[in-house]
Amino acid sequence: MIYLLALIGLVTLAVLLWKGFGPQRPAATNSSVVGPDDDPEFLWRMGRDARRSRGSDGTDKPE
């Protein structure tokens, strides 16, 4: 019985040491993903492309 308790203690100690000093996981970044509909640069390019596709008189170009 004493060997079983010693084994449990040894395993617990090994797990705690592994958690404390084992390989480090990469730190989580706090950068959030910006969707295309929230990205100001994307919206600016969409507006620019829409203005380019229309003629100077505001009508669509004939295809």
N, C-alpha and C. Protein backbone atom coordinates (compact mmCIF):
# COMPACT_ATOMS: atom_id res chain seq x y z
N MET A 1 0.83 -1.19 0.00
CA MET A 1 0.00 0.00 0.00
C MET A 1 0.87 1.25 0.00
N ILE A 2 1.95 1.23 0.75
CA ILE A 2 2.84 2.39 0.81
C ILE A 2 3.49 2.65 -0.54
N TYR A 3 3.73 1.57 -1.31
CA TYR A 3 4.32 1.74 -2.64
C TYR A 3 3.33 2.42 -3.60
N LEU A 4 2.05 2.11 -3.46
CA LEU A 4 1.03 2.73 -4.29
C LEU A 4 0.94 4.23 -4.00
N LEU A 5 0.96 4.60 -2.72
CA LEU A 5 0.92 6.02 -2.36
C LEU A 5 2.19 6.73 -2.83
N ALA A 6 3.32 6.09 -2.75
CA ALA A 6 4.56 6.68 -3.22
C ALA A 6 4.52 6.86 -4.73
N LEU A 7 3.95 5.92 -5.45
CA LEU A 7 3.83 6.02 -6.90
C LEU A 7 2.91 7.17 -7.28
N ILE A 8 1.78 7.29 -6.60
CA ILE A 8 0.85 8.40 -6.87
C ILE A 8 1.53 9.74 -6.60
N GLY A 9 2.27 9.84 -5.51
CA GLY A 9 2.99 11.07 -5.19
C GLY A 9 4.06 11.38 -6.22
N LEU A 10 4.76 10.36 -6.68
CA LEU A 10 5.80 10.55 -7.69
C LEU A 10 5.20 11.02 -9.01
N VAL A 11 4.09 10.42 -9.41
CA VAL A 11 3.43 10.83 -10.65
C VAL A 11 2.93 12.26 -10.52
N THR A 12 2.34 12.61 -9.39
CA THR A 12 1.86 13.98 -9.16
C THR A 12 3.02 14.97 -9.22
N LEU A 13 4.11 14.64 -8.60
CA LEU A 13 5.29 15.51 -8.63
C LEU A 13 5.83 15.65 -10.05
N ALA A 14 5.86 14.57 -10.79
CA ALA A 14 6.35 14.62 -12.18
C ALA A 14 5.44 15.50 -13.04
N VAL A 15 4.14 15.40 -12.86
CA VAL A 15 3.21 16.22 -13.64
C VAL A 15 3.39 17.69 -13.29
N LEU A 16 3.50 18.01 -12.02
CA LEU A 16 3.68 19.40 -11.61
C LEU A 16 4.99 19.98 -12.13
N LEU A 17 6.05 19.20 -12.08
CA LEU A 17 7.33 19.67 -12.63
C LEU A 17 7.25 19.85 -14.14
N TRP A 18 6.55 18.93 -14.82
CA TRP A 18 6.40 19.05 -16.28
C TRP A 18 5.64 20.32 -16.63
N LYS A 19 4.56 20.59 -15.89
CA LYS A 19 3.77 21.80 -16.14
C LYS A 19 4.58 23.06 -15.85
N GLY A 20 5.40 23.02 -14.83
CA GLY A 20 6.17 24.20 -14.44
C GLY A 20 7.39 24.46 -15.30
N PHE A 21 8.09 23.41 -15.68
CA PHE A 21 9.37 23.59 -16.36
C PHE A 21 9.45 22.89 -17.72
N GLY A 22 8.37 22.33 -18.18
CA GLY A 22 8.36 21.60 -19.44
C GLY A 22 8.39 22.53 -20.64
N PRO A 23 8.20 21.98 -21.84
CA PRO A 23 8.23 22.81 -23.05
C PRO A 23 7.15 23.89 -23.00
N GLN A 24 7.54 25.07 -23.43
CA GLN A 24 6.62 26.21 -23.39
C GLN A 24 5.76 26.24 -24.64
N ARG A 25 4.48 26.51 -24.46
CA ARG A 25 3.58 26.69 -25.58
C ARG A 25 3.71 28.12 -26.08
N PRO A 26 3.47 28.35 -27.37
CA PRO A 26 3.55 29.72 -27.88
C PRO A 26 2.50 30.59 -27.21
N ALA A 27 2.87 31.82 -26.94
CA ALA A 27 1.96 32.75 -26.29
C ALA A 27 0.81 33.10 -27.23
N ALA A 28 -0.36 33.20 -26.67
CA ALA A 28 -1.53 33.56 -27.48
C ALA A 28 -1.45 35.04 -27.84
N THR A 29 -1.72 35.33 -29.08
CA THR A 29 -1.70 36.73 -29.50
C THR A 29 -3.07 37.34 -29.28
N ASN A 30 -3.09 38.61 -28.99
CA ASN A 30 -4.34 39.31 -28.74
C ASN A 30 -4.86 40.00 -29.98
N SER A 31 -4.26 39.72 -31.13
CA SER A 31 -4.72 40.37 -32.35
C SER A 31 -6.02 39.72 -32.80
N SER A 32 -6.96 40.53 -33.12
CA SER A 32 -8.25 40.01 -33.57
C SER A 32 -8.30 40.06 -35.09
N VAL A 33 -9.01 39.14 -35.65
CA VAL A 33 -9.14 39.05 -37.09
C VAL A 33 -10.20 40.05 -37.53
N VAL A 34 -9.85 40.85 -38.52
CA VAL A 34 -10.78 41.84 -39.04
C VAL A 34 -11.37 41.29 -40.33
N GLY A 35 -12.67 41.19 -40.36
CA GLY A 35 -13.35 40.71 -41.56
C GLY A 35 -13.28 41.75 -42.65
N PRO A 36 -13.46 41.34 -43.91
CA PRO A 36 -13.33 42.29 -45.01
C PRO A 36 -14.36 43.42 -44.94
N ASP A 37 -15.52 43.16 -44.36
CA ASP A 37 -16.52 44.22 -44.31
C ASP A 37 -16.22 45.23 -43.20
N ASP A 38 -15.25 44.97 -42.33
CA ASP A 38 -14.85 45.91 -41.29
C ASP A 38 -13.50 46.54 -41.57
N ASP A 39 -12.82 46.12 -42.63
CA ASP A 39 -11.49 46.61 -42.94
C ASP A 39 -11.60 47.89 -43.76
N PRO A 40 -11.14 49.03 -43.23
CA PRO A 40 -11.28 50.30 -43.95
C PRO A 40 -10.56 50.30 -45.30
N GLU A 41 -9.39 49.67 -45.37
CA GLU A 41 -8.65 49.64 -46.64
C GLU A 41 -9.42 48.85 -47.70
N PHE A 42 -10.02 47.73 -47.30
CA PHE A 42 -10.80 46.92 -48.23
C PHE A 42 -12.00 47.73 -48.74
N LEU A 43 -12.69 48.41 -47.83
CA LEU A 43 -13.85 49.20 -48.23
C LEU A 43 -13.44 50.34 -49.16
N TRP A 44 -12.28 50.95 -48.89
CA TRP A 44 -11.79 52.03 -49.74
C TRP A 44 -11.51 51.50 -51.15
N ARG A 45 -10.87 50.32 -51.23
CA ARG A 45 -10.58 49.74 -52.54
C ARG A 45 -11.86 49.36 -53.28
N MET A 46 -12.85 48.86 -52.55
CA MET A 46 -14.12 48.51 -53.19
C MET A 46 -14.79 49.76 -53.76
N GLY A 47 -14.77 50.85 -53.00
CA GLY A 47 -15.35 52.10 -53.49
C GLY A 47 -14.59 52.64 -54.69
N ARG A 48 -13.27 52.55 -54.64
CA ARG A 48 -12.44 53.01 -55.76
C ARG A 48 -12.73 52.20 -57.01
N ASP A 49 -12.81 50.88 -56.85
CA ASP A 49 -13.10 50.03 -58.01
C ASP A 49 -14.49 50.29 -58.55
N ALA A 50 -15.44 50.56 -57.68
CA ALA A 50 -16.81 50.85 -58.14
C ALA A 50 -16.84 52.17 -58.91
N ARG A 51 -16.09 53.16 -58.43
CA ARG A 51 -16.03 54.44 -59.15
C ARG A 51 -15.34 54.28 -60.49
N ARG A 52 -14.32 53.43 -60.55
CA ARG A 52 -13.62 53.20 -61.83
C ARG A 52 -14.51 52.48 -62.83
N SER A 53 -15.35 51.56 -62.32
CA SER A 53 -16.18 50.80 -63.24
C SER A 53 -17.31 51.65 -63.81
N ARG A 54 -17.70 52.71 -63.08
CA ARG A 54 -18.70 53.62 -63.63
C ARG A 54 -17.99 54.63 -64.51
N GLY A 55 -18.69 55.13 -65.47
CA GLY A 55 -18.11 56.16 -66.32
C GLY A 55 -18.02 57.48 -65.57
N SER A 56 -17.42 58.47 -66.18
CA SER A 56 -17.28 59.78 -65.53
C SER A 56 -18.62 60.46 -65.37
N ASP A 57 -19.64 60.05 -66.16
CA ASP A 57 -20.96 60.66 -66.04
C ASP A 57 -21.84 59.92 -65.01
N GLY A 58 -21.28 58.90 -64.35
CA GLY A 58 -22.01 58.20 -63.30
C GLY A 58 -22.81 57.00 -63.79
N THR A 59 -22.76 56.73 -65.10
CA THR A 59 -23.48 55.56 -65.61
C THR A 59 -22.51 54.41 -65.76
N ASP A 60 -23.06 53.24 -65.86
CA ASP A 60 -22.21 52.04 -66.03
C ASP A 60 -21.64 52.03 -67.44
N LYS A 61 -20.43 51.49 -67.54
CA LYS A 61 -19.80 51.35 -68.85
C LYS A 61 -20.49 50.27 -69.64
N PRO A 62 -20.67 50.47 -70.93
CA PRO A 62 -21.23 49.39 -71.74
C PRO A 62 -20.24 48.25 -71.89
N GLU A 63 -20.75 47.05 -71.87
CA GLU A 63 -19.85 45.89 -71.97
C GLU A 63 -19.78 45.36 -73.35
